């Protein structure tokens, strides 16, 4: 069995733990060691019967070839920082697609990405590394989702859309066909993207309009 550590110990990390336990019911391939978290106040705490073992100093004492990591954080910038820090220590990341996800054979998913329960992913879709696709989203044909993006629950992404590096789509966002959401931009919950969203901005509303830079 592959030893696994979840990076982060917040609410989404506990959802990630559940997803891996569900996968274990079918495949029995994960030895889940627990969480690591930078917040020293959480060290030793137990969440959902799994322990916060420590911070990155705990990893420094471990053997990288023995353990795979998965990100349990939703903030794209934090995901990138954790990935770079872990990669520097020599640790690789695993990838998980929940057992009930519906996807065609024509979907590419890179290292460290997690696709949670209830998602539908159609054809010619490319999903980068360290991407989070949360519950019950739909991803149409010829979509590209770049590294470190976070897709919150209930998002609907139409065909030929590009979600650029580090973008975050809030709960219930809809992106109309052929559009682009720019790098490190945020679309607020319930927003409807009807035109391209530039890099490094926050957009909200129906239709989604830029309200400020990030």
N, C-alpha and C. Protein backbone atom coordinates (compact mmCIF):
# COMPACT_ATOMS: atom_id res chain seq x y z
N UNK A 1 0.83 -1.20 0.00
CA UNK A 1 0.00 0.00 0.00
C UNK A 1 0.87 1.25 0.00
N UNK A 2 0.38 2.28 -0.68
CA UNK A 2 1.12 3.53 -0.76
C UNK A 2 0.86 4.40 0.46
N UNK A 3 1.94 4.78 1.16
CA UNK A 3 1.80 5.68 2.29
C UNK A 3 1.42 7.07 1.80
N UNK A 4 0.46 7.69 2.50
CA UNK A 4 -0.11 8.96 2.05
C UNK A 4 -0.18 9.95 3.20
N UNK A 5 0.20 11.21 2.93
CA UNK A 5 0.03 12.31 3.86
C UNK A 5 -0.79 13.40 3.19
N UNK A 6 -1.72 13.99 3.93
CA UNK A 6 -2.52 15.10 3.43
C UNK A 6 -1.90 16.40 3.93
N UNK A 7 -1.58 17.30 3.00
CA UNK A 7 -0.95 18.57 3.35
C UNK A 7 -2.06 19.58 3.65
N UNK A 8 -2.11 20.01 4.91
CA UNK A 8 -3.21 20.84 5.39
C UNK A 8 -4.10 20.02 6.31
N UNK A 9 -4.79 20.70 7.22
CA UNK A 9 -5.65 19.99 8.16
C UNK A 9 -6.94 20.76 8.42
N UNK A 10 -7.38 21.52 7.43
CA UNK A 10 -8.63 22.25 7.56
C UNK A 10 -9.81 21.45 7.04
N UNK A 11 -10.91 22.16 6.77
CA UNK A 11 -12.13 21.48 6.36
C UNK A 11 -11.98 20.70 5.07
N UNK A 12 -11.35 21.30 4.05
CA UNK A 12 -11.20 20.57 2.79
C UNK A 12 -10.27 19.38 2.95
N UNK A 13 -9.26 19.50 3.80
CA UNK A 13 -8.37 18.36 4.03
C UNK A 13 -9.15 17.16 4.59
N UNK A 14 -10.14 17.43 5.43
CA UNK A 14 -10.95 16.32 5.95
C UNK A 14 -11.82 15.71 4.86
N UNK A 15 -12.28 16.54 3.91
CA UNK A 15 -13.01 16.00 2.76
C UNK A 15 -12.10 15.14 1.89
N UNK A 16 -10.84 15.57 1.73
CA UNK A 16 -9.88 14.77 0.98
C UNK A 16 -9.65 13.42 1.66
N UNK A 17 -9.52 13.45 2.98
CA UNK A 17 -9.38 12.20 3.74
C UNK A 17 -10.53 11.26 3.45
N UNK A 18 -11.75 11.78 3.48
CA UNK A 18 -12.93 10.95 3.19
C UNK A 18 -12.85 10.37 1.79
N UNK A 19 -12.42 11.18 0.80
CA UNK A 19 -12.33 10.71 -0.58
C UNK A 19 -11.36 9.54 -0.70
N UNK A 20 -10.23 9.63 -0.01
CA UNK A 20 -9.27 8.52 -0.07
C UNK A 20 -9.80 7.29 0.65
N UNK A 21 -10.51 7.48 1.73
CA UNK A 21 -11.09 6.32 2.41
C UNK A 21 -12.15 5.65 1.53
N UNK A 22 -12.92 6.44 0.79
CA UNK A 22 -13.88 5.85 -0.14
C UNK A 22 -13.16 5.06 -1.23
N UNK A 23 -12.06 5.60 -1.71
CA UNK A 23 -11.28 4.89 -2.72
C UNK A 23 -10.73 3.58 -2.16
N UNK A 24 -10.33 3.61 -0.89
CA UNK A 24 -9.81 2.40 -0.26
C UNK A 24 -10.85 1.28 -0.18
N UNK A 25 -12.12 1.64 -0.09
CA UNK A 25 -13.17 0.62 -0.05
C UNK A 25 -13.16 -0.23 -1.32
N UNK A 26 -12.71 0.37 -2.41
CA UNK A 26 -12.68 -0.34 -3.68
C UNK A 26 -11.32 -0.96 -3.96
N UNK A 27 -10.25 -0.21 -3.63
CA UNK A 27 -8.92 -0.63 -4.10
C UNK A 27 -7.94 -1.01 -3.01
N UNK A 28 -8.19 -0.59 -1.77
CA UNK A 28 -7.29 -0.91 -0.66
C UNK A 28 -5.83 -0.63 -1.01
N UNK A 29 -5.57 0.61 -1.48
CA UNK A 29 -4.21 0.92 -1.93
C UNK A 29 -3.53 2.03 -1.14
N UNK A 30 -4.25 2.68 -0.19
CA UNK A 30 -3.69 3.82 0.53
C UNK A 30 -3.50 3.51 2.01
N UNK A 31 -2.30 3.75 2.50
CA UNK A 31 -2.02 3.72 3.93
C UNK A 31 -1.96 5.17 4.39
N UNK A 32 -3.07 5.69 4.92
CA UNK A 32 -3.21 7.11 5.22
C UNK A 32 -2.57 7.40 6.58
N UNK A 33 -1.44 8.10 6.56
CA UNK A 33 -0.69 8.35 7.78
C UNK A 33 -1.29 9.46 8.62
N UNK A 34 -1.93 10.44 7.98
CA UNK A 34 -2.51 11.57 8.69
C UNK A 34 -2.28 12.85 7.94
N UNK A 35 -2.25 13.97 8.68
CA UNK A 35 -2.09 15.29 8.10
C UNK A 35 -0.75 15.89 8.51
N UNK A 36 -0.26 16.85 7.71
CA UNK A 36 0.76 17.79 8.18
C UNK A 36 0.20 19.19 7.96
N UNK A 37 0.58 20.12 8.83
CA UNK A 37 0.03 21.47 8.76
C UNK A 37 1.04 22.44 9.36
N UNK A 38 1.13 23.62 8.79
CA UNK A 38 2.07 24.62 9.28
C UNK A 38 1.65 25.21 10.63
N UNK A 39 0.38 25.09 10.98
CA UNK A 39 -0.13 25.66 12.22
C UNK A 39 0.22 24.74 13.39
N UNK A 40 1.19 25.17 14.19
CA UNK A 40 1.66 24.33 15.30
C UNK A 40 0.56 24.04 16.31
N UNK A 41 -0.45 24.92 16.39
CA UNK A 41 -1.54 24.69 17.33
C UNK A 41 -2.36 23.45 16.98
N UNK A 42 -2.28 23.00 15.75
CA UNK A 42 -3.03 21.81 15.32
C UNK A 42 -2.24 20.52 15.52
N UNK A 43 -0.95 20.63 15.76
CA UNK A 43 -0.12 19.44 15.84
C UNK A 43 -0.57 18.55 17.00
N UNK A 44 -0.77 17.30 16.72
CA UNK A 44 -1.27 16.35 17.71
C UNK A 44 -2.77 16.22 17.76
N UNK A 45 -3.49 17.17 17.14
CA UNK A 45 -4.95 17.07 17.10
C UNK A 45 -5.39 15.93 16.19
N UNK A 46 -6.58 15.42 16.48
CA UNK A 46 -7.14 14.33 15.69
C UNK A 46 -8.42 14.81 15.03
N UNK A 47 -8.47 14.68 13.71
CA UNK A 47 -9.64 15.05 12.93
C UNK A 47 -10.10 13.84 12.13
N UNK A 48 -11.35 13.45 12.34
CA UNK A 48 -11.91 12.29 11.61
C UNK A 48 -11.01 11.07 11.77
N UNK A 49 -10.53 10.86 13.00
CA UNK A 49 -9.70 9.71 13.34
C UNK A 49 -8.35 9.70 12.64
N UNK A 50 -7.85 10.85 12.22
CA UNK A 50 -6.51 10.96 11.65
C UNK A 50 -5.78 12.09 12.36
N UNK A 51 -4.49 11.91 12.62
CA UNK A 51 -3.70 12.81 13.46
C UNK A 51 -2.93 13.82 12.62
N UNK A 52 -2.83 15.05 13.14
CA UNK A 52 -1.92 16.05 12.56
C UNK A 52 -0.53 15.75 13.12
N UNK A 53 0.34 15.22 12.29
CA UNK A 53 1.62 14.70 12.76
C UNK A 53 2.64 15.78 13.04
N UNK A 54 2.49 16.93 12.40
CA UNK A 54 3.45 18.01 12.54
C UNK A 54 3.40 18.90 11.32
N UNK A 55 4.50 19.66 11.12
CA UNK A 55 4.60 20.51 9.96
C UNK A 55 5.60 19.96 8.97
N UNK A 56 6.17 20.85 8.18
CA UNK A 56 7.13 20.38 7.18
C UNK A 56 8.39 19.83 7.82
N UNK A 57 8.65 20.19 9.06
CA UNK A 57 9.80 19.60 9.75
C UNK A 57 9.61 18.09 9.92
N UNK A 58 8.35 17.63 10.00
CA UNK A 58 8.08 16.19 10.08
C UNK A 58 8.48 15.53 8.76
N UNK A 59 8.21 16.20 7.64
CA UNK A 59 8.60 15.65 6.34
C UNK A 59 10.11 15.56 6.20
N UNK A 60 10.81 16.54 6.75
CA UNK A 60 12.27 16.56 6.61
C UNK A 60 12.92 15.34 7.25
N UNK A 61 12.22 14.70 8.18
CA UNK A 61 12.76 13.51 8.84
C UNK A 61 12.31 12.22 8.15
N UNK A 62 11.52 12.34 7.09
CA UNK A 62 10.94 11.18 6.43
C UNK A 62 11.72 10.85 5.15
N UNK A 63 11.41 9.69 4.59
CA UNK A 63 12.06 9.23 3.36
C UNK A 63 11.12 9.50 2.19
N UNK A 64 11.51 10.41 1.28
CA UNK A 64 10.58 10.80 0.21
C UNK A 64 10.06 9.65 -0.64
N UNK A 65 10.88 8.65 -0.86
CA UNK A 65 10.45 7.54 -1.73
C UNK A 65 9.36 6.69 -1.09
N UNK A 66 9.16 6.83 0.22
CA UNK A 66 8.17 6.02 0.93
C UNK A 66 6.78 6.65 0.95
N UNK A 67 6.71 7.97 0.80
CA UNK A 67 5.46 8.70 1.08
C UNK A 67 5.07 9.55 -0.12
N UNK A 68 3.79 9.53 -0.45
CA UNK A 68 3.22 10.46 -1.41
C UNK A 68 2.34 11.47 -0.67
N UNK A 69 2.24 12.67 -1.23
CA UNK A 69 1.44 13.72 -0.63
C UNK A 69 0.23 14.03 -1.50
N UNK A 70 -0.77 14.66 -0.89
CA UNK A 70 -1.90 15.23 -1.62
C UNK A 70 -2.27 16.53 -0.93
N UNK A 71 -2.63 17.53 -1.71
CA UNK A 71 -2.96 18.83 -1.13
C UNK A 71 -4.37 18.81 -0.56
N UNK A 72 -4.50 19.29 0.67
CA UNK A 72 -5.80 19.43 1.31
C UNK A 72 -6.16 20.88 1.55
N UNK A 73 -5.62 21.77 0.72
CA UNK A 73 -5.93 23.20 0.83
C UNK A 73 -6.58 23.68 -0.46
N UNK A 74 -7.44 24.68 -0.35
CA UNK A 74 -8.16 25.18 -1.51
C UNK A 74 -7.57 26.43 -2.12
N UNK A 75 -6.80 27.20 -1.33
CA UNK A 75 -6.25 28.45 -1.84
C UNK A 75 -5.15 28.16 -2.87
N UNK A 76 -5.30 28.64 -4.11
CA UNK A 76 -4.32 28.31 -5.15
C UNK A 76 -2.89 28.72 -4.82
N UNK A 77 -2.70 29.91 -4.24
CA UNK A 77 -1.36 30.36 -3.93
C UNK A 77 -0.72 29.49 -2.84
N UNK A 78 -1.53 29.07 -1.88
CA UNK A 78 -1.02 28.18 -0.84
C UNK A 78 -0.67 26.82 -1.42
N UNK A 79 -1.51 26.32 -2.33
CA UNK A 79 -1.20 25.05 -3.00
C UNK A 79 0.14 25.12 -3.71
N UNK A 80 0.37 26.20 -4.43
CA UNK A 80 1.63 26.33 -5.16
C UNK A 80 2.81 26.37 -4.20
N UNK A 81 2.67 27.13 -3.12
CA UNK A 81 3.77 27.22 -2.14
C UNK A 81 4.06 25.88 -1.51
N UNK A 82 3.01 25.15 -1.12
CA UNK A 82 3.20 23.83 -0.52
C UNK A 82 3.83 22.85 -1.52
N UNK A 83 3.38 22.92 -2.78
CA UNK A 83 3.94 22.03 -3.79
C UNK A 83 5.44 22.30 -3.96
N UNK A 84 5.80 23.56 -4.09
CA UNK A 84 7.21 23.89 -4.30
C UNK A 84 8.07 23.49 -3.10
N UNK A 85 7.52 23.70 -1.90
CA UNK A 85 8.27 23.34 -0.69
C UNK A 85 8.44 21.83 -0.59
N UNK A 86 7.38 21.08 -0.86
CA UNK A 86 7.44 19.63 -0.81
C UNK A 86 8.33 19.06 -1.89
N UNK A 87 8.25 19.64 -3.08
CA UNK A 87 9.07 19.20 -4.19
C UNK A 87 10.55 19.42 -3.89
N UNK A 88 10.86 20.54 -3.21
CA UNK A 88 12.24 20.82 -2.82
C UNK A 88 12.77 19.75 -1.87
N UNK A 89 11.88 19.20 -1.04
CA UNK A 89 12.29 18.14 -0.11
C UNK A 89 12.32 16.77 -0.77
N UNK A 90 11.90 16.70 -2.04
CA UNK A 90 11.97 15.44 -2.78
C UNK A 90 10.70 14.61 -2.78
N UNK A 91 9.59 15.16 -2.26
CA UNK A 91 8.35 14.39 -2.17
C UNK A 91 7.50 14.58 -3.42
N UNK A 92 6.93 13.48 -3.88
CA UNK A 92 5.99 13.53 -4.99
C UNK A 92 4.56 13.55 -4.49
N UNK A 93 3.66 13.91 -5.39
CA UNK A 93 2.23 13.97 -5.08
C UNK A 93 1.47 12.90 -5.85
N UNK A 94 0.46 12.35 -5.21
CA UNK A 94 -0.41 11.41 -5.89
C UNK A 94 -1.60 12.16 -6.49
N UNK A 95 -2.37 11.46 -7.28
CA UNK A 95 -3.56 12.01 -7.93
C UNK A 95 -4.74 11.13 -7.57
N UNK A 96 -5.90 11.73 -7.33
CA UNK A 96 -7.08 10.94 -7.01
C UNK A 96 -8.28 11.42 -7.81
N UNK A 97 -8.96 10.47 -8.44
CA UNK A 97 -10.26 10.71 -9.06
C UNK A 97 -11.26 9.86 -8.30
N UNK A 98 -12.25 10.49 -7.67
CA UNK A 98 -13.22 9.76 -6.85
C UNK A 98 -13.90 8.65 -7.66
N UNK A 99 -14.23 7.55 -7.01
CA UNK A 99 -14.76 6.39 -7.74
C UNK A 99 -16.01 6.68 -8.56
N UNK A 100 -16.83 7.64 -8.16
CA UNK A 100 -18.08 7.87 -8.88
C UNK A 100 -17.99 8.97 -9.94
N UNK A 101 -16.79 9.51 -10.17
CA UNK A 101 -16.63 10.53 -11.22
C UNK A 101 -16.89 9.90 -12.58
N UNK A 102 -17.66 10.60 -13.40
CA UNK A 102 -17.91 10.16 -14.77
C UNK A 102 -17.01 10.96 -15.70
N UNK A 103 -16.14 10.26 -16.42
CA UNK A 103 -15.24 10.94 -17.36
C UNK A 103 -14.97 10.03 -18.54
N UNK A 104 -14.71 10.64 -19.68
CA UNK A 104 -14.39 9.87 -20.87
C UNK A 104 -12.93 9.42 -20.81
N UNK A 105 -12.52 8.54 -21.72
CA UNK A 105 -11.10 8.15 -21.79
C UNK A 105 -10.20 9.27 -22.30
N UNK A 106 -10.79 10.38 -22.71
CA UNK A 106 -10.03 11.44 -23.36
C UNK A 106 -9.85 12.63 -22.43
N UNK A 107 -9.50 12.31 -21.20
CA UNK A 107 -9.25 13.33 -20.18
C UNK A 107 -7.83 13.14 -19.66
N UNK A 108 -7.04 14.20 -19.64
CA UNK A 108 -5.68 14.16 -19.10
C UNK A 108 -5.66 14.88 -17.75
N UNK A 109 -5.09 14.21 -16.74
CA UNK A 109 -5.04 14.77 -15.40
C UNK A 109 -3.61 14.66 -14.88
N UNK A 110 -3.05 15.78 -14.44
CA UNK A 110 -1.64 15.81 -14.04
C UNK A 110 -1.49 15.54 -12.53
N UNK A 111 -0.23 15.52 -12.11
CA UNK A 111 0.16 15.13 -10.75
C UNK A 111 -0.46 16.02 -9.69
N UNK A 112 -0.91 15.39 -8.60
CA UNK A 112 -1.35 16.12 -7.43
C UNK A 112 -2.75 16.68 -7.50
N UNK A 113 -3.48 16.33 -8.55
CA UNK A 113 -4.85 16.84 -8.72
C UNK A 113 -5.83 15.91 -8.04
N UNK A 114 -6.90 16.49 -7.49
CA UNK A 114 -7.95 15.69 -6.87
C UNK A 114 -9.29 16.09 -7.47
N UNK A 115 -10.02 15.09 -7.94
CA UNK A 115 -11.35 15.26 -8.50
C UNK A 115 -12.31 14.56 -7.54
N UNK A 116 -13.13 15.31 -6.84
CA UNK A 116 -13.96 14.73 -5.79
C UNK A 116 -15.27 14.18 -6.36
N UNK A 117 -16.14 13.73 -5.49
CA UNK A 117 -17.31 12.97 -5.89
C UNK A 117 -18.31 13.80 -6.71
N UNK A 118 -19.00 13.12 -7.62
CA UNK A 118 -20.13 13.70 -8.32
C UNK A 118 -19.80 14.49 -9.57
N UNK A 119 -18.55 14.51 -10.00
CA UNK A 119 -18.18 15.32 -11.15
C UNK A 119 -18.39 14.58 -12.47
N UNK A 120 -18.66 15.37 -13.51
CA UNK A 120 -18.77 14.85 -14.87
C UNK A 120 -17.78 15.61 -15.74
N UNK A 121 -16.87 14.88 -16.39
CA UNK A 121 -15.84 15.47 -17.23
C UNK A 121 -15.93 14.81 -18.59
N UNK A 122 -16.13 15.59 -19.64
CA UNK A 122 -16.46 15.00 -20.93
C UNK A 122 -15.22 14.65 -21.75
N UNK A 123 -14.99 15.27 -22.89
CA UNK A 123 -13.93 14.81 -23.80
C UNK A 123 -12.91 15.90 -24.10
N UNK A 124 -11.68 15.42 -24.39
CA UNK A 124 -10.57 16.30 -24.74
C UNK A 124 -10.39 17.41 -23.70
N UNK A 125 -10.38 16.99 -22.44
CA UNK A 125 -10.18 17.90 -21.31
C UNK A 125 -8.77 17.70 -20.76
N UNK A 126 -8.07 18.80 -20.51
CA UNK A 126 -6.74 18.75 -19.93
C UNK A 126 -6.76 19.49 -18.59
N UNK A 127 -6.39 18.77 -17.53
CA UNK A 127 -6.38 19.33 -16.19
C UNK A 127 -4.95 19.25 -15.66
N UNK A 128 -4.40 20.38 -15.24
CA UNK A 128 -3.00 20.45 -14.83
C UNK A 128 -2.74 19.87 -13.46
N UNK A 129 -1.57 20.17 -12.94
CA UNK A 129 -1.17 19.63 -11.64
C UNK A 129 -1.72 20.50 -10.51
N UNK A 130 -1.92 19.86 -9.37
CA UNK A 130 -2.37 20.54 -8.15
C UNK A 130 -3.69 21.29 -8.35
N UNK A 131 -4.56 20.71 -9.15
CA UNK A 131 -5.90 21.28 -9.36
C UNK A 131 -6.88 20.61 -8.42
N UNK A 132 -7.81 21.37 -7.89
CA UNK A 132 -8.90 20.85 -7.08
C UNK A 132 -10.20 21.05 -7.84
N UNK A 133 -10.92 19.95 -8.08
CA UNK A 133 -12.27 20.03 -8.63
C UNK A 133 -13.20 19.47 -7.57
N UNK A 134 -13.93 20.36 -6.89
CA UNK A 134 -14.75 19.94 -5.76
C UNK A 134 -16.07 19.34 -6.24
N UNK A 135 -16.98 19.10 -5.34
CA UNK A 135 -18.15 18.25 -5.57
C UNK A 135 -19.06 18.77 -6.68
N UNK A 136 -19.56 17.80 -7.50
CA UNK A 136 -20.71 18.03 -8.40
C UNK A 136 -20.51 19.15 -9.40
N UNK A 137 -19.37 19.13 -10.09
CA UNK A 137 -19.12 20.07 -11.17
C UNK A 137 -19.29 19.38 -12.52
N UNK A 138 -19.50 20.18 -13.58
CA UNK A 138 -19.51 19.64 -14.94
C UNK A 138 -18.45 20.40 -15.74
N UNK A 139 -17.69 19.64 -16.52
CA UNK A 139 -16.62 20.21 -17.33
C UNK A 139 -16.82 19.75 -18.76
N UNK A 140 -17.08 20.69 -19.64
CA UNK A 140 -17.41 20.38 -21.02
C UNK A 140 -16.20 20.04 -21.88
N UNK A 141 -16.45 19.80 -23.16
CA UNK A 141 -15.42 19.37 -24.10
C UNK A 141 -14.36 20.44 -24.33
N UNK A 142 -13.13 19.97 -24.57
CA UNK A 142 -12.01 20.84 -24.97
C UNK A 142 -11.70 21.94 -23.96
N UNK A 143 -11.91 21.64 -22.70
CA UNK A 143 -11.59 22.58 -21.62
C UNK A 143 -10.14 22.36 -21.18
N UNK A 144 -9.45 23.44 -20.88
CA UNK A 144 -8.11 23.39 -20.30
C UNK A 144 -8.16 24.08 -18.94
N UNK A 145 -7.75 23.34 -17.90
CA UNK A 145 -7.65 23.90 -16.56
C UNK A 145 -6.19 23.80 -16.16
N UNK A 146 -5.54 24.92 -15.97
CA UNK A 146 -4.10 24.93 -15.73
C UNK A 146 -3.77 24.68 -14.25
N UNK A 147 -2.47 24.63 -13.96
CA UNK A 147 -1.96 24.27 -12.64
C UNK A 147 -2.53 25.16 -11.53
N UNK A 148 -2.75 24.54 -10.36
CA UNK A 148 -3.09 25.19 -9.09
C UNK A 148 -4.50 25.77 -9.03
N UNK A 149 -5.31 25.54 -10.04
CA UNK A 149 -6.67 26.08 -10.00
C UNK A 149 -7.51 25.38 -8.94
N UNK A 150 -8.52 26.09 -8.44
CA UNK A 150 -9.50 25.52 -7.53
C UNK A 150 -10.89 25.78 -8.10
N UNK A 151 -11.63 24.69 -8.27
CA UNK A 151 -13.00 24.74 -8.78
C UNK A 151 -13.91 24.31 -7.63
N UNK A 152 -14.70 25.23 -7.11
CA UNK A 152 -15.55 24.97 -5.95
C UNK A 152 -16.77 24.12 -6.35
N UNK A 153 -17.55 23.65 -5.37
CA UNK A 153 -18.70 22.78 -5.69
C UNK A 153 -19.71 23.45 -6.62
N UNK A 154 -20.30 22.61 -7.48
CA UNK A 154 -21.41 23.04 -8.31
C UNK A 154 -21.07 23.97 -9.45
N UNK A 155 -19.82 23.99 -9.88
CA UNK A 155 -19.41 24.85 -11.00
C UNK A 155 -19.72 24.16 -12.32
N UNK A 156 -20.18 24.93 -13.30
CA UNK A 156 -20.45 24.41 -14.64
C UNK A 156 -19.56 25.14 -15.64
N UNK A 157 -18.65 24.39 -16.26
CA UNK A 157 -17.72 24.95 -17.23
C UNK A 157 -18.11 24.43 -18.60
N UNK A 158 -18.46 25.34 -19.49
CA UNK A 158 -18.89 24.96 -20.84
C UNK A 158 -17.69 24.61 -21.71
N UNK A 159 -17.97 24.18 -22.95
CA UNK A 159 -16.92 23.74 -23.85
C UNK A 159 -15.98 24.83 -24.29
N UNK A 160 -14.74 24.42 -24.63
CA UNK A 160 -13.71 25.31 -25.18
C UNK A 160 -13.34 26.46 -24.24
N UNK A 161 -13.44 26.23 -22.96
CA UNK A 161 -13.06 27.23 -21.94
C UNK A 161 -11.62 26.99 -21.50
N UNK A 162 -10.91 28.07 -21.17
CA UNK A 162 -9.59 27.99 -20.56
C UNK A 162 -9.64 28.63 -19.18
N UNK A 163 -9.26 27.85 -18.18
CA UNK A 163 -9.10 28.37 -16.82
C UNK A 163 -7.60 28.42 -16.57
N UNK A 164 -7.05 29.62 -16.54
CA UNK A 164 -5.60 29.77 -16.52
C UNK A 164 -5.03 29.55 -15.11
N UNK A 165 -3.71 29.48 -15.02
CA UNK A 165 -3.01 29.08 -13.80
C UNK A 165 -3.49 29.85 -12.57
N UNK A 166 -3.79 29.09 -11.52
CA UNK A 166 -4.09 29.68 -10.22
C UNK A 166 -5.45 30.32 -10.09
N UNK A 167 -6.30 30.18 -11.09
CA UNK A 167 -7.63 30.79 -10.99
C UNK A 167 -8.50 30.02 -10.00
N UNK A 168 -9.47 30.72 -9.43
CA UNK A 168 -10.39 30.10 -8.48
C UNK A 168 -11.81 30.47 -8.86
N UNK A 169 -12.65 29.43 -9.03
CA UNK A 169 -14.06 29.63 -9.35
C UNK A 169 -14.88 29.26 -8.12
N UNK A 170 -15.67 30.21 -7.61
CA UNK A 170 -16.45 29.99 -6.40
C UNK A 170 -17.65 29.08 -6.65
N UNK A 171 -18.29 28.71 -5.57
CA UNK A 171 -19.42 27.78 -5.63
C UNK A 171 -20.49 28.27 -6.60
N UNK A 172 -20.91 27.36 -7.48
CA UNK A 172 -22.02 27.65 -8.38
C UNK A 172 -21.71 28.55 -9.56
N UNK A 173 -20.45 28.79 -9.85
CA UNK A 173 -20.08 29.62 -11.00
C UNK A 173 -20.42 28.90 -12.30
N UNK A 174 -20.84 29.66 -13.30
CA UNK A 174 -21.04 29.16 -14.66
C UNK A 174 -20.13 29.93 -15.60
N UNK A 175 -19.42 29.19 -16.46
CA UNK A 175 -18.57 29.82 -17.48
C UNK A 175 -19.12 29.44 -18.84
N UNK A 176 -19.49 30.43 -19.64
CA UNK A 176 -20.08 30.18 -20.95
C UNK A 176 -19.01 29.74 -21.95
N UNK A 177 -19.43 29.14 -23.07
CA UNK A 177 -18.48 28.52 -24.01
C UNK A 177 -17.44 29.49 -24.56
N UNK A 178 -16.22 28.95 -24.74
CA UNK A 178 -15.17 29.63 -25.46
C UNK A 178 -14.47 30.74 -24.72
N UNK A 179 -14.73 30.91 -23.43
CA UNK A 179 -14.17 32.03 -22.68
C UNK A 179 -12.92 31.62 -21.90
N UNK A 180 -12.22 32.64 -21.39
CA UNK A 180 -11.00 32.43 -20.61
C UNK A 180 -11.13 33.15 -19.27
N UNK A 181 -10.76 32.44 -18.20
CA UNK A 181 -10.61 33.06 -16.88
C UNK A 181 -9.12 33.20 -16.63
N UNK A 182 -8.66 34.42 -16.38
CA UNK A 182 -7.25 34.72 -16.35
C UNK A 182 -6.49 34.17 -15.15
N UNK A 183 -5.18 34.24 -15.25
CA UNK A 183 -4.28 33.71 -14.23
C UNK A 183 -4.51 34.38 -12.87
N UNK A 184 -4.62 33.54 -11.85
CA UNK A 184 -4.71 33.98 -10.46
C UNK A 184 -5.90 34.91 -10.21
N UNK A 185 -6.93 34.77 -11.04
CA UNK A 185 -8.16 35.54 -10.83
C UNK A 185 -9.18 34.72 -10.06
N UNK A 186 -10.15 35.41 -9.50
CA UNK A 186 -11.21 34.79 -8.71
C UNK A 186 -12.56 35.20 -9.29
N UNK A 187 -13.43 34.22 -9.48
CA UNK A 187 -14.82 34.51 -9.83
C UNK A 187 -15.66 34.13 -8.62
N UNK A 188 -16.39 35.09 -8.06
CA UNK A 188 -17.14 34.87 -6.83
C UNK A 188 -18.31 33.92 -7.01
N UNK A 189 -18.76 33.37 -5.90
CA UNK A 189 -19.83 32.37 -5.89
C UNK A 189 -21.05 32.86 -6.65
N UNK A 190 -21.60 31.97 -7.48
CA UNK A 190 -22.80 32.28 -8.23
C UNK A 190 -22.60 33.12 -9.47
N UNK A 191 -21.38 33.52 -9.75
CA UNK A 191 -21.10 34.36 -10.89
C UNK A 191 -21.33 33.64 -12.21
N UNK A 192 -21.70 34.39 -13.23
CA UNK A 192 -21.86 33.86 -14.58
C UNK A 192 -20.88 34.61 -15.48
N UNK A 193 -19.90 33.87 -16.01
CA UNK A 193 -18.86 34.47 -16.85
C UNK A 193 -19.36 34.52 -18.28
N UNK A 194 -19.60 35.73 -18.79
CA UNK A 194 -20.12 35.93 -20.14
C UNK A 194 -19.09 36.59 -21.05
N UNK A 195 -17.96 36.97 -20.50
CA UNK A 195 -16.85 37.52 -21.29
C UNK A 195 -15.55 37.14 -20.60
N UNK A 196 -14.44 37.23 -21.31
CA UNK A 196 -13.15 36.85 -20.75
C UNK A 196 -12.87 37.65 -19.48
N UNK A 197 -12.28 36.95 -18.50
CA UNK A 197 -11.86 37.58 -17.25
C UNK A 197 -10.34 37.76 -17.32
N UNK A 198 -9.82 38.97 -17.14
CA UNK A 198 -8.36 39.17 -17.22
C UNK A 198 -7.61 38.56 -16.05
N UNK A 199 -6.29 38.61 -16.11
CA UNK A 199 -5.43 38.08 -15.04
C UNK A 199 -5.55 38.93 -13.79
N UNK A 200 -5.39 38.29 -12.64
CA UNK A 200 -5.18 38.95 -11.35
C UNK A 200 -6.31 39.92 -10.98
N UNK A 201 -7.55 39.45 -11.11
CA UNK A 201 -8.69 40.28 -10.71
C UNK A 201 -9.71 39.43 -9.95
N UNK A 202 -10.64 40.12 -9.30
CA UNK A 202 -11.81 39.47 -8.70
C UNK A 202 -13.03 39.95 -9.48
N UNK A 203 -13.85 38.98 -9.91
CA UNK A 203 -15.07 39.30 -10.66
C UNK A 203 -16.26 38.65 -9.96
N UNK A 204 -17.37 39.35 -9.89
CA UNK A 204 -18.56 38.83 -9.21
C UNK A 204 -19.80 39.20 -10.01
N UNK A 205 -20.89 38.46 -9.75
CA UNK A 205 -22.18 38.85 -10.26
C UNK A 205 -22.63 38.14 -11.52
N UNK A 206 -23.85 38.52 -11.97
CA UNK A 206 -24.46 37.98 -13.19
C UNK A 206 -24.83 39.17 -14.08
N UNK A 207 -24.08 39.41 -15.16
CA UNK A 207 -22.84 38.72 -15.55
C UNK A 207 -21.69 39.11 -14.63
N UNK A 208 -20.64 38.30 -14.61
CA UNK A 208 -19.49 38.57 -13.74
C UNK A 208 -18.75 39.81 -14.23
N UNK A 209 -18.55 40.75 -13.31
CA UNK A 209 -17.83 41.99 -13.62
C UNK A 209 -16.66 42.17 -12.66
N UNK A 210 -15.58 42.70 -13.18
CA UNK A 210 -14.39 42.92 -12.36
C UNK A 210 -14.67 44.02 -11.35
N UNK A 211 -14.35 43.71 -10.07
CA UNK A 211 -14.55 44.73 -9.03
C UNK A 211 -13.22 45.26 -8.48
N UNK A 212 -12.16 44.47 -8.61
CA UNK A 212 -10.85 44.98 -8.18
C UNK A 212 -9.75 44.03 -8.61
N UNK A 213 -8.53 44.50 -8.51
CA UNK A 213 -7.35 43.67 -8.80
C UNK A 213 -6.94 42.91 -7.55
N UNK A 214 -6.20 41.83 -7.75
CA UNK A 214 -5.71 41.06 -6.61
C UNK A 214 -4.24 41.36 -6.38
